[in-house]
C-alpha cells in the first residue's frame, strides 16, 4: 500500500490531494476508460465511505488510504500489479 501511496503522492506532502487521487484511480481502474465523470464518481465513493479520515474533505493521509485496501474497496494485488507492470509501447517502424 505504501508503494502505491507514494507513487501517487507527487508533491511528497504525505497526503493525496484530489489530483493525486484522480491519478491513482485512472491508473488502477482501467474499466473507467479515463471517463472523467466515472472517475469522479469512483472518487466520490471513496470519499463518502471514509469521510472521517479526510483532511478538509479533499485530501487523504496514508492511514485513510490504507483503509480503502484493508476494507476491500480496492484489491491490493490487482492495483500493485497494475501500477508496476510497464505499459506496452507502440513501436513505429523505421
C-alpha atoms as a PDB file:
ATOM      1  CA  UNK A   1       0.000   0.000   0.000  1.00  0.00           C
ATOM      2  CA  UNK A   2       2.845   2.379   0.780  1.00  0.00           C
ATOM      3  CA  UNK A   3       4.348   1.884  -2.674  1.00  0.00           C
ATOM      4  CA  UNK A   4       1.045   2.801  -4.303  1.00  0.00           C
ATOM      5  CA  UNK A   5       0.508   5.755  -1.965  1.00  0.00           C
ATOM      6  CA  UNK A   6       3.977   7.184  -2.575  1.00  0.00           C
ATOM      7  CA  UNK A   7       3.734   6.675  -6.334  1.00  0.00           C
ATOM      8  CA  UNK A   8       0.714   8.985  -6.468  1.00  0.00           C
ATOM      9  CA  UNK A   9       1.828  11.459  -3.800  1.00  0.00           C
ATOM     10  CA  UNK A  10       3.530  13.539  -6.491  1.00  0.00           C
ATOM     11  CA  UNK A  11       4.451  16.541  -4.346  1.00  0.00           C
ATOM     12  CA  UNK A  12       5.595  14.328  -1.427  1.00  0.00           C
ATOM     13  CA  UNK A  13       3.454  16.190   1.114  1.00  0.00           C
ATOM     14  CA  UNK A  14       2.351  12.951   2.835  1.00  0.00           C
ATOM     15  CA  UNK A  15      -1.268  13.195   1.717  1.00  0.00           C
ATOM     16  CA  UNK A  16      -3.114  12.553  -1.512  1.00  0.00           C
ATOM     17  CA  UNK A  17      -4.962  15.581  -2.838  1.00  0.00           C
ATOM     18  CA  UNK A  18      -7.713  15.460  -5.415  1.00  0.00           C
ATOM     19  CA  UNK A  19      -5.278  15.446  -8.347  1.00  0.00           C
ATOM     20  CA  UNK A  20      -3.261  12.624  -6.743  1.00  0.00           C
ATOM     21  CA  UNK A  21      -6.414  10.603  -6.094  1.00  0.00           C
ATOM     22  CA  UNK A  22      -7.697  11.077  -9.639  1.00  0.00           C
ATOM     23  CA  UNK A  23      -4.309   9.935 -10.982  1.00  0.00           C
ATOM     24  CA  UNK A  24      -4.443   6.850  -8.755  1.00  0.00           C
ATOM     25  CA  UNK A  25      -7.980   5.959  -9.822  1.00  0.00           C
ATOM     26  CA  UNK A  26      -7.192   6.361 -13.525  1.00  0.00           C
ATOM     27  CA  UNK A  27      -4.081   4.203 -13.132  1.00  0.00           C
ATOM     28  CA  UNK A  28      -5.696   1.317 -11.247  1.00  0.00           C
ATOM     29  CA  UNK A  29      -9.218   1.249 -12.655  1.00  0.00           C
ATOM     30  CA  UNK A  30      -8.959   0.662 -16.394  1.00  0.00           C
ATOM     31  CA  UNK A  31     -12.697  -0.057 -16.704  1.00  0.00           C
ATOM     32  CA  UNK A  32     -13.364   3.663 -16.224  1.00  0.00           C
ATOM     33  CA  UNK A  33     -11.652   4.335 -19.589  1.00  0.00           C
ATOM     34  CA  UNK A  34     -10.419   7.741 -18.398  1.00  0.00           C
ATOM     35  CA  UNK A  35     -14.046   8.959 -18.380  1.00  0.00           C
ATOM     36  CA  UNK A  36     -13.852  11.932 -16.025  1.00  0.00           C
ATOM     37  CA  UNK A  37     -17.446  11.519 -14.810  1.00  0.00           C
ATOM     38  CA  UNK A  38     -16.826   7.858 -13.942  1.00  0.00           C
ATOM     39  CA  UNK A  39     -13.513   8.706 -12.278  1.00  0.00           C
ATOM     40  CA  UNK A  40     -15.156  11.412 -10.183  1.00  0.00           C
ATOM     41  CA  UNK A  41     -17.986   9.020  -9.257  1.00  0.00           C
ATOM     42  CA  UNK A  42     -15.445   6.449  -8.073  1.00  0.00           C
ATOM     43  CA  UNK A  43     -13.600   9.158  -6.140  1.00  0.00           C
ATOM     44  CA  UNK A  44     -16.888  10.178  -4.508  1.00  0.00           C
ATOM     45  CA  UNK A  45     -17.444   6.569  -3.389  1.00  0.00           C
ATOM     46  CA  UNK A  46     -14.042   6.591  -1.679  1.00  0.00           C
ATOM     47  CA  UNK A  47     -14.659   9.982  -0.085  1.00  0.00           C
ATOM     48  CA  UNK A  48     -18.179   9.100   1.068  1.00  0.00           C
ATOM     49  CA  UNK A  49     -17.000   5.777   2.505  1.00  0.00           C
ATOM     50  CA  UNK A  50     -14.202   7.346   4.571  1.00  0.00           C
ATOM     51  CA  UNK A  51     -15.260  10.909   5.493  1.00  0.00           C
ATOM     52  CA  UNK A  52     -13.661  10.669   8.940  1.00  0.00           C
ATOM     53  CA  UNK A  53     -10.143  10.220   7.537  1.00  0.00           C
ATOM     54  CA  UNK A  54     -10.284  13.063   5.035  1.00  0.00           C
ATOM     55  CA  UNK A  55      -8.493  16.351   5.560  1.00  0.00           C
ATOM     56  CA  UNK A  56     -10.644  19.334   4.552  1.00  0.00           C
ATOM     57  CA  UNK A  57     -12.891  16.843   2.706  1.00  0.00           C
ATOM     58  CA  UNK A  58     -10.372  16.742  -0.145  1.00  0.00           C
ATOM     59  CA  UNK A  59      -7.130  15.091   0.956  1.00  0.00           C
ATOM     60  CA  UNK A  60      -6.271  11.687   2.330  1.00  0.00           C
ATOM     61  CA  UNK A  61      -3.387  10.684   4.603  1.00  0.00           C
ATOM     62  CA  UNK A  62      -1.825   7.226   4.274  1.00  0.00           C
ATOM     63  CA  UNK A  63      -3.866   5.909   7.223  1.00  0.00           C
ATOM     64  CA  UNK A  64      -7.089   6.683   5.376  1.00  0.00           C
ATOM     65  CA  UNK A  65      -5.737   5.475   2.046  1.00  0.00           C
ATOM     66  CA  UNK A  66      -4.769   2.129   3.565  1.00  0.00           C
ATOM     67  CA  UNK A  67      -8.353   1.624   4.790  1.00  0.00           C
ATOM     68  CA  UNK A  68      -9.514   1.527   1.169  1.00  0.00           C
ATOM     69  CA  UNK A  69      -7.429  -1.629   0.717  1.00  0.00           C
ATOM     70  CA  UNK A  70      -7.847  -3.063   4.208  1.00  0.00           C
ATOM     71  CA  UNK A  71     -11.635  -2.863   3.922  1.00  0.00           C
ATOM     72  CA  UNK A  72     -11.607  -4.392   0.433  1.00  0.00           C
ATOM     73  CA  UNK A  73     -12.838  -1.396  -1.568  1.00  0.00           C
ATOM     74  CA  UNK A  74      -9.793  -1.929  -3.822  1.00  0.00           C
ATOM     75  CA  UNK A  75      -7.779  -5.093  -4.488  1.00  0.00           C
ATOM     76  CA  UNK A  76      -4.162  -4.567  -3.412  1.00  0.00           C
ATOM     77  CA  UNK A  77      -2.730  -7.361  -5.566  1.00  0.00           C
ATOM     78  CA  UNK A  78      -4.512  -6.094  -8.668  1.00  0.00           C
ATOM     79  CA  UNK A  79      -3.517  -2.479  -8.113  1.00  0.00           C
ATOM     80  CA  UNK A  80       0.109  -3.317  -7.278  1.00  0.00           C
ATOM     81  CA  UNK A  81       0.415  -5.353 -10.435  1.00  0.00           C
ATOM     82  CA  UNK A  82      -1.314  -2.684 -12.498  1.00  0.00           C
ATOM     83  CA  UNK A  83       0.993   0.138 -11.448  1.00  0.00           C
ATOM     84  CA  UNK A  84       4.208  -1.885 -11.591  1.00  0.00           C
ATOM     85  CA  UNK A  85       3.652  -3.544 -14.966  1.00  0.00           C
ATOM     86  CA  UNK A  86       5.308  -1.466 -17.668  1.00  0.00           C
ATOM     87  CA  UNK A  87       2.890  -0.405 -20.356  1.00  0.00           C
ATOM     88  CA  UNK A  88       3.469  -1.728 -23.819  1.00  0.00           C
ATOM     89  CA  UNK A  89       4.954   0.868 -26.085  1.00  0.00           C
ATOM     90  CA  UNK A  90       3.888   1.104 -29.689  1.00  0.00           C
ATOM     91  CA  UNK A  91       6.920   0.881 -31.863  1.00  0.00           C
ATOM     92  CA  UNK A  92       6.971   2.820 -35.091  1.00  0.00           C
ATOM     93  CA  UNK A  93       8.694   1.037 -37.981  1.00  0.00           C
ATOM     94  CA  UNK A  94      11.757   2.842 -39.319  1.00  0.00           C
END
